[in-house]
Amino acid sequence: MSLASAVLARIAGLPRAQSEDVVCEQDLRVTMGDGVVLLADRWVLRARRDSPQPTVLVRSPYGRRQVFALIFGRTLAERGLQVVIQSTRGTFGSGGEFSPFDERADGLATLDWIRAQPWHADRIALVGPSYLGLVQWAVAPAAAQDVAALAIQVSASQFHGQTYPGGSLALETSATWLALVTAQERRLAPLAMARAIRRVQKLLHEVPLADLDTLATGAEVQWFREAMASPTRDGAYWAARDYARDVAQVTAPVQFVGGWYDIFLPWMIDDHAALAAAGRETQLIVGPWAHTSHGLVAAGMREALGWLRAHLLGDGRLVRAAAVRIFVTGERVGDGWRDLEGWPPPASGERRLWLAAGARLREDEPAETDPGAPGGADGYRYDPAHPTPSLGGPLLLARRPVVDNRALETRADVLTYTTSPLAQALEAIGVARVQLRVRASEPYFDVFARVCDVDGDGISRNVCDALARIAPERFEQGADGTWNVAFSLWPMGHRFAAGHRIRLQVSSGAHPRYARNPGTGEDPMTATELRAVDIEVLHGAPPHSLLVLPECGR
């Protein structure tokens, strides 16, 4: 056992290794259907090196050595699992050209190769986070006879949703990933990636964004340009890389580990729901983590080890019994963790909070008045030349996703609506949504909504949020010119303490987390004109603007 694996095992709370004597067979050649050769490393206990046994497959665009070898190679092998870590096409010595998310053909060819090896017997399981999760969905529906289990962390069966959440480009996350992937194989890679991230951060404020890849990497990146040129999910680029329609066909048990502040959470939960509706065996674990949180890495390792050993080796001692396990943020009850029978849990009702004059969220429904009455309204101007900044929330490299929002809430382009102090605690587990009646000076704008928990000292901490891109073909516009804007926010599991207040922020951007809306209807990647938009949020007359929270009793 290496010192690194011993330290990692202690941090992750893993059981003791079965053996410290592990071997790694490097650079195994795996031939794809088109003749391209991909490289893989095999990790196995030396004592079982020549014994046919089940295999854990990890397919990664991030390399086979160093941290990935430690987490998925040595650590799992020391605990009795045979592991193959393969570099995907066009990365780290594997042949061909990297074509992100297009992983079905190579994945299936790799399963065929594993089946033919003398050291493999029985079935195969797959494991990994993020991109390493997507590749599992690429093959599992078509390989039911081979795949015994999937262990997926912070990932989803399609990446279009994360790339274009609410119809807007997830600019900072997309650009950061571009910088990381294009720099990861350079000399002194950690330094190269750090420099690339710093460089791309400065470029996010440029207009237009069309040459972002060239400015960030020094050359055109074809796959990035293809993805940016095809913003719709049913376009040719994303349709060929969308595995969501096949999720319910997966018969293998699937474990999900995610975080409330992860960039993939809504779509990961969609995958879980599709499996549950089809009667498949699935487990969902959601903690207080972002995409790259250290706690998530540790929990993902620990839970995946138990899942893999249960479904490959018949040892279920490390698998939790609960179908759903979540960490409830906010006011702590016990250790914060809660076992549930399903997601979402049975709700005791909905807490409906109406926007009202004086920046208030009312808990009592406004009296019905003539829909034609003017009612009340609050307005602001969104200027894409000086966009509303992002603060906290789900990002690829977010380290502190929950922050004090008070500085953001003082801006003239951010509206806030706040309840009175709660008489008793409110536990909200599920998906919040907003229904807003909006008037705008232009038909192209965004609406960003965020729920915050305001404590007794006035600190406003973000809980969940989302953005929706408004355009004539996307949302309904009434005869009076107002827009009916309704959309769901990020899933949540939060307890608002008695005496705290609930706050709703409404604005029209969170830059550079989301690409700014130019206000002209042009593609944000190519737009050069930036047009300010005057926006009013209406309340006081039906249809009323409101926030709806899922309320759960205890």
Protein backbone atom coordinates (compact mmCIF):
# COMPACT_ATOMS: atom_id res chain seq x y z
CA MET A 1 0.00 0.00 0.00
CA SER A 2 1.38 3.42 -0.92
CA LEU A 3 1.37 6.24 1.59
CA ALA A 4 -0.96 8.18 -0.71
CA SER A 5 -3.53 5.36 -0.85
CA ALA A 6 -3.35 4.91 2.92
CA VAL A 7 -4.01 8.62 3.50
CA LEU A 8 -6.80 8.68 0.93
CA ALA A 9 -8.44 5.61 2.44
CA ARG A 10 -8.39 7.21 5.88
CA ILE A 11 -9.89 10.48 4.60
CA ALA A 12 -12.61 8.65 2.66
CA GLY A 13 -13.39 6.29 5.52
CA LEU A 14 -12.71 3.17 3.48
CA PRO A 15 -12.41 -0.27 5.05
CA ARG A 16 -8.95 -1.78 5.48
CA ALA A 17 -7.24 -3.05 2.33
CA GLN A 18 -7.34 -6.79 1.68
CA SER A 19 -3.76 -6.68 0.46
CA GLU A 20 -1.05 -4.12 -0.19
CA ASP A 21 0.44 -6.16 -3.02
CA VAL A 22 -1.13 -4.71 -6.17
CA VAL A 23 0.18 -4.77 -9.72
CA CYS A 24 -0.54 -2.43 -12.60
CA GLU A 25 -0.20 -3.61 -16.20
CA GLN A 26 0.24 -0.43 -18.20
CA ASP A 27 -0.56 0.60 -21.76
CA LEU A 28 -2.72 -2.35 -22.78
CA ARG A 29 -3.80 -1.85 -26.39
CA VAL A 30 -7.54 -1.90 -27.07
CA THR A 31 -8.55 -1.80 -30.75
CA MET A 32 -11.76 0.01 -31.65
CA GLY A 33 -14.12 -0.86 -34.48
CA ASP A 34 -12.45 1.61 -36.84
CA GLY A 35 -8.95 0.33 -36.06
CA VAL A 36 -7.99 3.15 -33.66
CA VAL A 37 -6.07 1.89 -30.61
CA LEU A 38 -6.91 3.16 -27.12
CA LEU A 39 -4.61 2.59 -24.15
CA ALA A 40 -5.64 1.13 -20.81
CA ASP A 41 -4.08 0.11 -17.49
CA ARG A 42 -5.15 -2.96 -15.50
CA TRP A 43 -5.01 -2.92 -11.68
CA VAL A 44 -5.34 -6.18 -9.75
CA LEU A 45 -4.15 -7.96 -6.61
CA ARG A 46 -0.93 -9.79 -7.43
CA ALA A 47 -2.25 -12.99 -5.86
CA ARG A 48 -5.25 -12.95 -8.25
CA ARG A 49 -3.46 -11.65 -11.33
CA ASP A 50 -4.01 -14.83 -13.34
CA SER A 51 -7.46 -15.63 -11.99
CA PRO A 52 -10.46 -14.79 -14.19
CA GLN A 53 -12.69 -12.39 -12.26
CA PRO A 54 -15.23 -9.55 -12.69
CA THR A 55 -13.88 -6.21 -13.90
CA VAL A 56 -14.53 -2.58 -13.02
CA LEU A 57 -14.16 -0.32 -16.06
CA VAL A 58 -13.23 3.36 -15.84
CA ARG A 59 -13.14 5.35 -19.09
CA SER A 60 -11.58 8.79 -18.67
CA PRO A 61 -10.43 11.72 -20.82
CA TYR A 62 -8.24 12.91 -17.92
CA GLY A 63 -5.51 10.28 -17.95
CA ARG A 64 -4.83 6.88 -16.38
CA ARG A 65 -2.13 7.76 -13.88
CA GLN A 66 -1.63 9.94 -10.82
CA VAL A 67 -4.90 10.87 -9.07
CA PHE A 68 -7.15 8.68 -11.24
CA ALA A 69 -4.84 5.71 -10.79
CA LEU A 70 -4.87 6.30 -7.03
CA ILE A 71 -8.64 6.71 -6.63
CA PHE A 72 -9.90 4.11 -9.10
CA GLY A 73 -6.89 1.85 -9.60
CA ARG A 74 -4.83 1.16 -6.51
CA THR A 75 -7.49 1.95 -3.92
CA LEU A 76 -10.15 -0.33 -5.44
CA ALA A 77 -7.65 -3.09 -6.29
CA GLU A 78 -6.38 -3.16 -2.71
CA ARG A 79 -9.96 -3.93 -1.70
CA GLY A 80 -10.41 -6.88 -4.00
CA LEU A 81 -11.66 -5.37 -7.26
CA GLN A 82 -10.00 -5.78 -10.64
CA VAL A 83 -9.98 -2.42 -12.46
CA VAL A 84 -9.29 -1.31 -16.03
CA ILE A 85 -8.70 2.42 -16.54
CA GLN A 86 -8.82 3.47 -20.17
CA SER A 87 -7.97 6.82 -21.77
CA THR A 88 -10.75 7.84 -24.12
CA ARG A 89 -10.10 8.53 -27.79
CA GLY A 90 -7.58 11.27 -28.49
CA THR A 91 -6.36 11.62 -24.90
CA PHE A 92 -3.19 10.55 -23.06
CA GLY A 93 -1.75 8.28 -25.72
CA SER A 94 -4.98 6.84 -27.07
CA GLY A 95 -5.32 7.20 -30.83
CA GLY A 96 -7.88 9.17 -32.81
CA GLU A 97 -9.31 12.62 -32.25
CA PHE A 98 -11.01 13.67 -29.04
CA SER A 99 -14.73 14.15 -29.69
CA PRO A 100 -16.35 14.95 -26.34
CA PHE A 101 -19.41 12.99 -25.23
CA ASP A 102 -19.46 10.76 -28.35
CA GLU A 103 -18.59 7.61 -26.39
CA ARG A 104 -20.98 4.79 -27.31
CA ALA A 105 -19.04 3.00 -30.06
CA ASP A 106 -15.70 3.07 -28.22
CA GLY A 107 -17.33 2.04 -24.96
CA LEU A 108 -19.03 -0.97 -26.50
CA ALA A 109 -15.83 -2.01 -28.28
CA THR A 110 -14.01 -1.83 -24.95
CA LEU A 111 -16.59 -4.10 -23.31
CA ASP A 112 -16.07 -6.60 -26.15
CA TRP A 113 -12.31 -6.46 -25.54
CA ILE A 114 -12.68 -7.05 -21.81
CA ARG A 115 -14.94 -10.08 -22.41
CA ALA A 116 -12.20 -11.64 -24.56
CA GLN A 117 -9.44 -11.31 -21.94
CA PRO A 118 -8.31 -14.47 -20.09
CA TRP A 119 -8.23 -12.56 -16.79
CA HIS A 120 -11.89 -11.52 -17.01
CA ALA A 121 -14.90 -13.59 -15.96
CA ASP A 122 -18.54 -12.89 -15.27
CA ARG A 123 -19.79 -9.31 -15.52
CA ILE A 124 -18.51 -5.73 -15.67
CA ALA A 125 -19.29 -2.67 -13.55
CA LEU A 126 -18.51 0.95 -14.37
CA VAL A 127 -17.66 3.80 -12.03
CA GLY A 128 -16.73 7.46 -12.07
CA PRO A 129 -17.78 11.11 -11.80
CA SER A 130 -18.71 13.77 -14.34
CA TYR A 131 -17.46 12.76 -17.82
CA LEU A 132 -16.65 9.32 -16.35
CA GLY A 133 -20.36 9.04 -15.54
CA LEU A 134 -21.56 10.00 -19.00
CA VAL A 135 -19.52 7.20 -20.58
CA GLN A 136 -21.41 4.74 -18.39
CA TRP A 137 -24.74 5.87 -19.83
CA ALA A 138 -23.27 5.62 -23.32
CA VAL A 139 -22.89 1.83 -23.07
CA ALA A 140 -25.17 0.50 -20.35
CA PRO A 141 -28.46 0.40 -22.32
CA ALA A 142 -26.88 -1.62 -25.13
CA ALA A 143 -24.90 -4.02 -22.95
CA ALA A 144 -27.35 -5.38 -20.41
CA GLN A 145 -25.79 -8.85 -20.57
CA ASP A 146 -22.40 -7.46 -19.54
CA VAL A 147 -23.07 -4.60 -17.13
CA ALA A 148 -23.65 -5.61 -13.53
CA ALA A 149 -23.76 -2.14 -11.94
CA LEU A 150 -23.14 1.56 -12.49
CA ALA A 151 -21.72 3.87 -9.82
CA ILE A 152 -22.20 7.45 -11.05
CA GLN A 153 -21.13 10.60 -9.26
CA VAL A 154 -22.06 14.17 -10.24
CA SER A 155 -23.03 13.30 -13.79
CA ALA A 156 -25.99 12.81 -16.10
CA SER A 157 -27.03 10.91 -19.20
CA GLN A 158 -26.90 14.05 -21.32
CA PHE A 159 -24.67 17.12 -20.99
CA HIS A 160 -26.72 19.56 -23.04
CA GLY A 161 -28.81 20.53 -20.00
CA GLN A 162 -25.73 21.54 -18.03
CA THR A 163 -24.18 23.34 -21.01
CA TYR A 164 -27.32 25.34 -21.81
CA PRO A 165 -29.29 25.54 -18.55
CA GLY A 166 -32.52 27.45 -18.98
CA GLY A 167 -31.61 28.18 -22.59
CA SER A 168 -28.49 30.18 -21.72
CA LEU A 169 -24.88 29.10 -22.09
CA ALA A 170 -23.14 28.03 -18.87
CA LEU A 171 -20.27 30.27 -19.91
CA GLU A 172 -17.83 30.01 -17.02
CA THR A 173 -18.13 26.24 -16.64
CA SER A 174 -17.90 25.61 -20.40
CA ALA A 175 -14.90 27.89 -20.84
CA THR A 176 -13.15 26.49 -17.77
CA TRP A 177 -13.55 22.92 -19.03
CA LEU A 178 -12.21 23.98 -22.42
CA ALA A 179 -9.15 25.46 -20.71
CA LEU A 180 -8.55 22.39 -18.55
CA VAL A 181 -8.93 19.81 -21.31
CA THR A 182 -6.70 21.63 -23.78
CA ALA A 183 -3.93 22.20 -21.21
CA GLN A 184 -3.97 18.90 -19.30
CA GLU A 185 -1.38 17.08 -21.43
CA ARG A 186 1.12 19.93 -21.62
CA ARG A 187 4.46 19.88 -19.83
CA LEU A 188 4.05 20.72 -16.14
CA ALA A 189 0.33 20.19 -16.59
CA PRO A 190 -0.87 21.54 -13.20
CA LEU A 191 0.84 24.86 -13.85
CA ALA A 192 -0.37 24.91 -17.45
CA MET A 193 -3.96 24.30 -16.37
CA ALA A 194 -3.78 26.98 -13.68
CA ARG A 195 -2.48 29.50 -16.21
CA ALA A 196 -5.18 28.48 -18.70
CA ILE A 197 -7.93 29.00 -16.12
CA ARG A 198 -6.61 32.45 -15.22
CA ARG A 199 -6.42 33.37 -18.89
CA VAL A 200 -9.95 32.23 -19.66
CA GLN A 201 -11.38 34.13 -16.68
CA LYS A 202 -10.16 37.38 -18.24
CA LEU A 203 -11.73 36.47 -21.58
CA LEU A 204 -15.26 35.86 -20.28
CA HIS A 205 -16.00 39.59 -20.45
CA GLU A 206 -15.01 39.89 -24.12
CA VAL A 207 -17.52 40.60 -26.90
CA PRO A 208 -18.06 38.66 -29.09
CA LEU A 209 -17.29 35.21 -27.69
CA ALA A 210 -16.88 33.56 -31.09
CA ASP A 211 -13.08 33.34 -30.81
CA LEU A 212 -13.00 32.34 -27.16
CA ASP A 213 -11.28 29.04 -27.98
CA THR A 214 -8.54 30.71 -30.00
CA LEU A 215 -7.91 33.39 -27.39
CA ALA A 216 -7.92 30.85 -24.57
CA THR A 217 -5.83 28.09 -26.17
CA GLY A 218 -3.96 29.69 -29.07
CA ALA A 219 -5.85 27.70 -31.73
CA GLU A 220 -9.35 26.85 -32.91
CA VAL A 221 -10.85 23.90 -31.03
CA GLN A 222 -13.17 22.17 -33.46
CA TRP A 223 -15.30 20.27 -30.96
CA PHE A 224 -15.88 23.44 -28.92
CA ARG A 225 -17.01 25.34 -31.99
CA GLU A 226 -19.35 22.53 -33.00
CA ALA A 227 -20.96 22.46 -29.57
CA MET A 228 -21.37 26.25 -29.47
CA ALA A 229 -22.85 26.29 -32.99
CA SER A 230 -25.57 23.82 -31.98
CA PRO A 231 -27.28 25.28 -28.89
CA THR A 232 -30.49 23.22 -29.07
CA ARG A 233 -30.81 19.75 -27.60
CA ASP A 234 -32.41 18.35 -30.76
CA GLY A 235 -29.64 19.71 -32.98
CA ALA A 236 -27.34 17.21 -34.68
CA TYR A 237 -24.38 17.71 -32.32
CA TRP A 238 -26.19 17.17 -29.02
CA ALA A 239 -28.73 14.61 -30.28
CA ALA A 240 -25.87 12.26 -31.19
CA ARG A 241 -24.49 12.59 -27.65
CA ASP A 242 -27.74 12.33 -25.71
CA TYR A 243 -28.26 9.03 -23.87
CA ALA A 244 -31.23 10.11 -21.74
CA ARG A 245 -33.86 8.42 -23.89
CA ASP A 246 -32.32 5.03 -23.08
CA VAL A 247 -31.96 5.43 -19.31
CA ALA A 248 -35.07 3.41 -18.42
CA GLN A 249 -33.74 0.50 -20.50
CA VAL A 250 -30.79 0.04 -18.14
CA THR A 251 -31.45 -3.03 -16.02
CA ALA A 252 -28.24 -2.89 -13.98
CA PRO A 253 -28.47 -1.38 -10.47
CA VAL A 254 -27.42 2.28 -10.54
CA GLN A 255 -26.06 4.35 -7.67
CA PHE A 256 -25.98 8.16 -7.84
CA VAL A 257 -23.92 10.43 -5.60
CA GLY A 258 -24.38 14.17 -6.08
CA GLY A 259 -24.39 17.54 -4.38
CA TRP A 260 -26.95 20.30 -3.89
CA TYR A 261 -24.55 22.71 -5.60
CA ASP A 262 -23.42 20.44 -8.41
CA ILE A 263 -23.72 21.57 -12.02
CA PHE A 264 -25.42 18.29 -13.05
CA LEU A 265 -27.85 17.83 -10.16
CA PRO A 266 -31.23 18.44 -11.91
CA TRP A 267 -30.40 16.08 -14.76
CA MET A 268 -28.88 13.44 -12.48
CA ILE A 269 -32.13 13.43 -10.50
CA ASP A 270 -34.05 13.10 -13.78
CA ASP A 271 -32.05 9.94 -14.50
CA HIS A 272 -32.79 8.58 -11.05
CA ALA A 273 -36.50 9.32 -11.53
CA ALA A 274 -36.56 7.54 -14.90
CA LEU A 275 -35.03 4.41 -13.38
CA ALA A 276 -37.33 4.50 -10.35
CA ALA A 277 -40.39 4.88 -12.60
CA ALA A 278 -39.26 1.85 -14.60
CA GLY A 279 -38.95 -0.21 -11.42
CA ARG A 280 -35.16 -0.48 -11.55
CA GLU A 281 -32.86 -0.80 -8.56
CA THR A 282 -31.38 2.63 -7.89
CA GLN A 283 -29.94 4.58 -5.00
CA LEU A 284 -29.63 8.37 -4.70
CA ILE A 285 -27.29 10.16 -2.28
CA VAL A 286 -27.13 13.98 -2.24
CA GLY A 287 -24.85 15.89 0.12
CA PRO A 288 -23.87 19.51 0.80
CA TRP A 289 -21.31 19.54 -2.00
CA ALA A 290 -20.30 21.24 -5.23
CA HIS A 291 -18.86 19.48 -8.28
CA THR A 292 -15.28 19.28 -7.02
CA SER A 293 -15.81 19.34 -3.24
CA HIS A 294 -13.36 17.19 -1.30
CA GLY A 295 -16.24 15.76 0.71
CA LEU A 296 -17.97 14.62 -2.45
CA VAL A 297 -14.85 12.83 -3.72
CA ALA A 298 -14.54 10.98 -0.41
CA ALA A 299 -18.23 10.07 -0.25
CA GLY A 300 -18.25 9.00 -3.88
CA MET A 301 -15.33 6.62 -3.27
CA ARG A 302 -16.84 5.18 -0.13
CA GLU A 303 -20.33 4.61 -1.53
CA ALA A 304 -19.07 3.31 -4.90
CA LEU A 305 -16.80 0.74 -3.22
CA GLY A 306 -19.76 -0.74 -1.37
CA TRP A 307 -21.95 -0.72 -4.48
CA LEU A 308 -19.31 -2.38 -6.67
CA ARG A 309 -18.43 -5.06 -4.14
CA ALA A 310 -22.11 -5.84 -3.63
CA HIS A 311 -22.91 -6.28 -7.32
CA LEU A 312 -19.66 -7.85 -8.51
CA LEU A 313 -18.52 -9.87 -5.50
CA GLY A 314 -21.77 -10.49 -3.62
CA ASP A 315 -20.61 -8.56 -0.54
CA GLY A 316 -23.33 -6.07 0.38
CA ARG A 317 -22.09 -5.17 3.86
CA LEU A 318 -21.03 -1.64 2.83
CA VAL A 319 -24.23 -0.67 0.98
CA ARG A 320 -26.69 1.60 2.77
CA ALA A 321 -30.23 0.30 2.99
CA ALA A 322 -31.96 3.60 2.16
CA ALA A 323 -33.07 4.14 -1.44
CA VAL A 324 -32.50 7.88 -0.99
CA ARG A 325 -30.19 9.60 1.46
CA ILE A 326 -29.87 13.37 1.58
CA PHE A 327 -28.16 15.99 3.70
CA VAL A 328 -30.59 18.70 4.77
CA THR A 329 -28.81 22.06 4.75
CA GLY A 330 -29.67 25.04 6.95
CA GLU A 331 -30.77 24.41 10.51
CA ARG A 332 -29.19 21.17 11.64
CA VAL A 333 -31.38 18.35 12.95
CA GLY A 334 -29.15 15.53 14.18
CA ASP A 335 -26.17 15.15 11.87
CA GLY A 336 -28.08 16.60 8.92
CA TRP A 337 -28.43 13.30 7.04
CA ARG A 338 -31.88 11.92 6.30
CA ASP A 339 -32.93 8.54 4.88
CA LEU A 340 -35.94 8.68 2.56
CA GLU A 341 -38.02 6.06 0.79
CA GLY A 342 -37.92 7.97 -2.48
CA TRP A 343 -37.35 11.30 -4.19
CA PRO A 344 -38.96 13.65 -3.66
CA PRO A 345 -40.38 12.64 -0.28
CA PRO A 346 -44.14 12.85 0.22
CA ALA A 347 -44.91 16.53 0.67
CA SER A 348 -47.19 17.83 3.36
CA GLY A 349 -48.07 20.65 0.99
CA GLU A 350 -46.60 23.65 -0.76
CA ARG A 351 -45.57 26.91 0.81
CA ARG A 352 -46.76 29.59 -1.59
CA LEU A 353 -45.21 33.01 -1.12
CA TRP A 354 -46.57 35.96 -3.08
CA LEU A 355 -44.49 38.92 -4.19
CA ALA A 356 -45.89 42.17 -2.79
CA ALA A 357 -45.19 45.87 -2.49
CA GLY A 358 -42.46 46.93 -0.11
CA ALA A 359 -40.12 44.09 -1.18
CA ARG A 360 -42.26 41.63 0.75
CA LEU A 361 -43.01 37.93 0.31
CA ARG A 362 -46.53 37.44 1.64
CA GLU A 363 -47.66 34.18 3.17
CA ASP A 364 -51.32 35.09 2.65
CA GLU A 365 -52.78 35.02 -0.82
CA PRO A 366 -53.60 38.48 -2.23
CA ALA A 367 -57.28 39.24 -2.65
CA GLU A 368 -58.56 38.63 -6.15
CA THR A 369 -58.92 41.85 -8.09
CA ASP A 370 -59.70 42.71 -11.67
CA PRO A 371 -57.01 41.12 -13.87
CA GLY A 372 -56.98 44.35 -15.83
CA ALA A 373 -56.12 46.41 -12.76
CA PRO A 374 -52.59 47.81 -12.83
CA GLY A 375 -51.54 46.38 -9.48
CA GLY A 376 -47.99 46.97 -8.26
CA ALA A 377 -44.65 46.59 -9.97
CA ASP A 378 -40.94 46.85 -9.25
CA GLY A 379 -38.49 47.64 -11.99
CA TYR A 380 -34.83 47.66 -12.87
CA ARG A 381 -32.61 48.05 -15.92
CA TYR A 382 -30.41 45.21 -17.03
CA ASP A 383 -27.42 46.47 -18.98
CA PRO A 384 -25.40 43.67 -20.61
CA ALA A 385 -22.47 46.05 -20.96
CA HIS A 386 -22.35 46.03 -17.14
CA PRO A 387 -23.97 42.67 -16.36
CA THR A 388 -25.28 41.57 -13.00
CA PRO A 389 -22.44 39.46 -11.54
CA SER A 390 -22.67 35.86 -10.38
CA LEU A 391 -22.05 35.10 -6.74
CA GLY A 392 -21.80 31.52 -5.46
CA GLY A 393 -24.00 28.77 -6.84
CA PRO A 394 -23.14 25.69 -8.94
CA LEU A 395 -19.92 26.02 -10.95
CA LEU A 396 -17.39 23.51 -12.26
CA LEU A 397 -14.66 24.63 -9.84
CA ALA A 398 -16.79 26.22 -7.10
CA ARG A 399 -15.13 25.90 -3.70
CA ARG A 400 -17.59 28.06 -1.74
CA PRO A 401 -20.93 27.69 -3.48
CA VAL A 402 -22.85 29.22 -0.56
CA VAL A 403 -21.93 32.82 0.23
CA ASP A 404 -23.30 35.99 1.82
CA ASN A 405 -25.47 37.63 -0.86
CA ARG A 406 -25.92 41.04 0.78
CA ALA A 407 -23.51 42.85 -1.55
CA LEU A 408 -25.33 41.48 -4.59
CA GLU A 409 -28.70 42.43 -3.14
CA THR A 410 -27.74 46.12 -2.88
CA ARG A 411 -27.42 46.44 -6.66
CA ALA A 412 -30.00 48.46 -8.56
CA ASP A 413 -30.47 45.59 -11.05
CA VAL A 414 -31.43 43.05 -8.36
CA LEU A 415 -34.87 42.92 -6.74
CA THR A 416 -35.46 41.19 -3.41
CA TYR A 417 -38.66 40.03 -1.73
CA THR A 418 -38.49 38.82 1.88
CA THR A 419 -40.87 37.17 4.33
CA SER A 420 -41.36 38.15 7.93
CA PRO A 421 -39.41 36.04 10.44
CA LEU A 422 -40.75 32.48 10.38
CA ALA A 423 -42.86 31.55 13.40
CA GLN A 424 -41.63 27.97 13.09
CA ALA A 425 -39.06 26.09 11.04
CA LEU A 426 -39.87 25.27 7.44
CA GLU A 427 -38.35 22.21 5.81
CA ALA A 428 -38.32 22.36 2.02
CA ILE A 429 -37.23 19.19 0.19
CA GLY A 430 -37.85 18.86 -3.52
CA VAL A 431 -37.95 21.41 -6.33
CA ALA A 432 -38.86 25.06 -5.83
CA ARG A 433 -40.39 27.03 -8.66
CA VAL A 434 -41.26 30.60 -9.53
CA GLN A 435 -44.20 32.03 -11.44
CA LEU A 436 -43.50 35.62 -12.41
CA ARG A 437 -45.49 38.14 -14.39
CA VAL A 438 -42.99 40.33 -16.16
CA ARG A 439 -43.02 43.30 -18.51
CA ALA A 440 -39.95 44.19 -20.58
CA SER A 441 -38.92 46.87 -23.06
CA GLU A 442 -37.45 44.21 -25.39
CA PRO A 443 -38.60 40.65 -26.14
CA TYR A 444 -35.17 39.16 -25.40
CA PHE A 445 -33.98 39.02 -21.79
CA ASP A 446 -33.19 36.61 -18.96
CA VAL A 447 -34.79 36.06 -15.58
CA PHE A 448 -32.59 34.79 -12.75
CA ALA A 449 -34.33 33.72 -9.54
CA ARG A 450 -32.60 32.72 -6.31
CA VAL A 451 -33.92 31.59 -2.93
CA CYS A 452 -31.91 32.72 0.11
CA ASP A 453 -32.04 31.98 3.83
CA VAL A 454 -31.69 35.20 5.86
CA ASP A 455 -30.57 34.67 9.44
CA GLY A 456 -31.04 36.85 12.51
CA ASP A 457 -27.96 38.91 11.68
CA GLY A 458 -29.25 39.68 8.20
CA ILE A 459 -26.79 37.41 6.38
CA SER A 460 -28.45 36.20 3.18
CA ARG A 461 -27.16 32.78 2.09
CA ASN A 462 -28.16 31.28 -1.26
CA VAL A 463 -30.05 27.98 -1.19
CA CYS A 464 -31.05 27.30 -4.81
CA ASP A 465 -31.50 29.22 -8.04
CA ALA A 466 -31.91 29.00 -11.81
CA LEU A 467 -32.03 31.17 -14.91
CA ALA A 468 -34.49 31.21 -17.80
CA ARG A 469 -33.82 32.79 -21.20
CA ILE A 470 -36.92 34.60 -22.44
CA ALA A 471 -37.80 34.91 -26.12
CA PRO A 472 -41.08 34.90 -28.10
CA GLU A 473 -40.74 31.21 -29.00
CA ARG A 474 -39.86 30.15 -25.45
CA PHE A 475 -42.43 31.81 -23.16
CA GLU A 476 -46.02 33.01 -23.44
CA GLN A 477 -46.66 36.71 -23.87
CA GLY A 478 -50.12 37.97 -22.97
CA ALA A 479 -52.29 40.35 -24.96
CA ASP A 480 -51.26 43.14 -22.60
CA GLY A 481 -47.60 42.59 -23.44
CA THR A 482 -46.65 40.93 -20.14
CA TRP A 483 -44.76 37.66 -20.00
CA ASN A 484 -45.81 34.71 -17.87
CA VAL A 485 -42.45 33.31 -16.78
CA ALA A 486 -42.59 30.03 -14.85
CA PHE A 487 -39.63 27.73 -14.25
CA SER A 488 -38.14 25.35 -11.71
CA LEU A 489 -35.10 26.11 -9.60
CA TRP A 490 -32.31 23.70 -8.59
CA PRO A 491 -33.44 20.81 -6.37
CA MET A 492 -33.17 21.61 -2.69
CA GLY A 493 -33.14 19.99 0.72
CA HIS A 494 -33.09 22.85 3.22
CA ARG A 495 -34.49 23.70 6.64
CA PHE A 496 -35.24 27.37 7.28
CA ALA A 497 -34.96 27.90 11.04
CA ALA A 498 -37.63 29.60 13.11
CA GLY A 499 -36.85 33.31 13.21
CA HIS A 500 -35.11 33.22 9.84
CA ARG A 501 -36.60 34.87 6.77
CA ILE A 502 -36.99 33.52 3.22
CA ARG A 503 -35.82 35.81 0.45
CA LEU A 504 -36.35 35.66 -3.30
CA GLN A 505 -33.93 37.50 -5.57
CA VAL A 506 -35.03 38.43 -9.09
CA SER A 507 -32.58 39.79 -11.65
CA SER A 508 -31.66 39.26 -15.28
CA GLY A 509 -28.24 37.71 -15.16
CA ALA A 510 -25.44 36.03 -13.24
CA HIS A 511 -22.34 36.70 -15.30
CA PRO A 512 -20.01 34.98 -16.07
CA ARG A 513 -21.74 31.87 -14.72
CA TYR A 514 -24.24 32.41 -17.53
CA ALA A 515 -23.47 34.17 -20.80
CA ARG A 516 -25.00 37.63 -20.80
CA ASN A 517 -28.14 38.12 -22.87
CA PRO A 518 -27.30 40.78 -25.49
CA GLY A 519 -30.94 41.93 -25.53
CA THR A 520 -31.15 41.80 -29.33
CA GLY A 521 -32.09 38.19 -30.02
CA GLU A 522 -28.65 37.51 -31.48
CA ASP A 523 -26.54 34.50 -30.63
CA PRO A 524 -24.48 35.50 -27.55
CA MET A 525 -21.43 33.84 -29.13
CA THR A 526 -21.44 36.21 -32.10
CA ALA A 527 -23.36 39.26 -30.83
CA THR A 528 -21.48 42.56 -30.83
CA GLU A 529 -24.40 44.88 -30.01
CA LEU A 530 -25.44 44.98 -26.36
CA ARG A 531 -28.87 46.49 -25.66
CA ALA A 532 -30.10 47.42 -22.20
CA VAL A 533 -33.56 46.14 -21.24
CA ASP A 534 -35.97 47.72 -18.75
CA ILE A 535 -37.82 45.08 -16.79
CA GLU A 536 -40.76 45.20 -14.38
CA VAL A 537 -41.92 42.42 -12.09
CA LEU A 538 -45.65 42.80 -11.54
CA HIS A 539 -47.61 41.91 -8.42
CA GLY A 540 -50.86 42.91 -6.77
CA ALA A 541 -53.12 41.83 -9.63
CA PRO A 542 -53.67 38.37 -11.13
CA PRO A 543 -51.94 36.40 -12.38
CA HIS A 544 -49.91 36.98 -9.23
CA SER A 545 -46.14 36.54 -9.10
CA LEU A 546 -45.10 33.98 -6.51
CA LEU A 547 -42.48 31.57 -5.20
CA VAL A 548 -43.55 27.99 -4.48
CA LEU A 549 -41.51 25.89 -2.04
CA PRO A 550 -42.01 22.15 -1.47
CA GLU A 551 -43.00 21.85 2.17
CA CYS A 552 -42.25 18.64 4.06
CA GLY A 553 -43.49 17.76 7.51
CA ARG A 554 -41.52 15.84 10.12
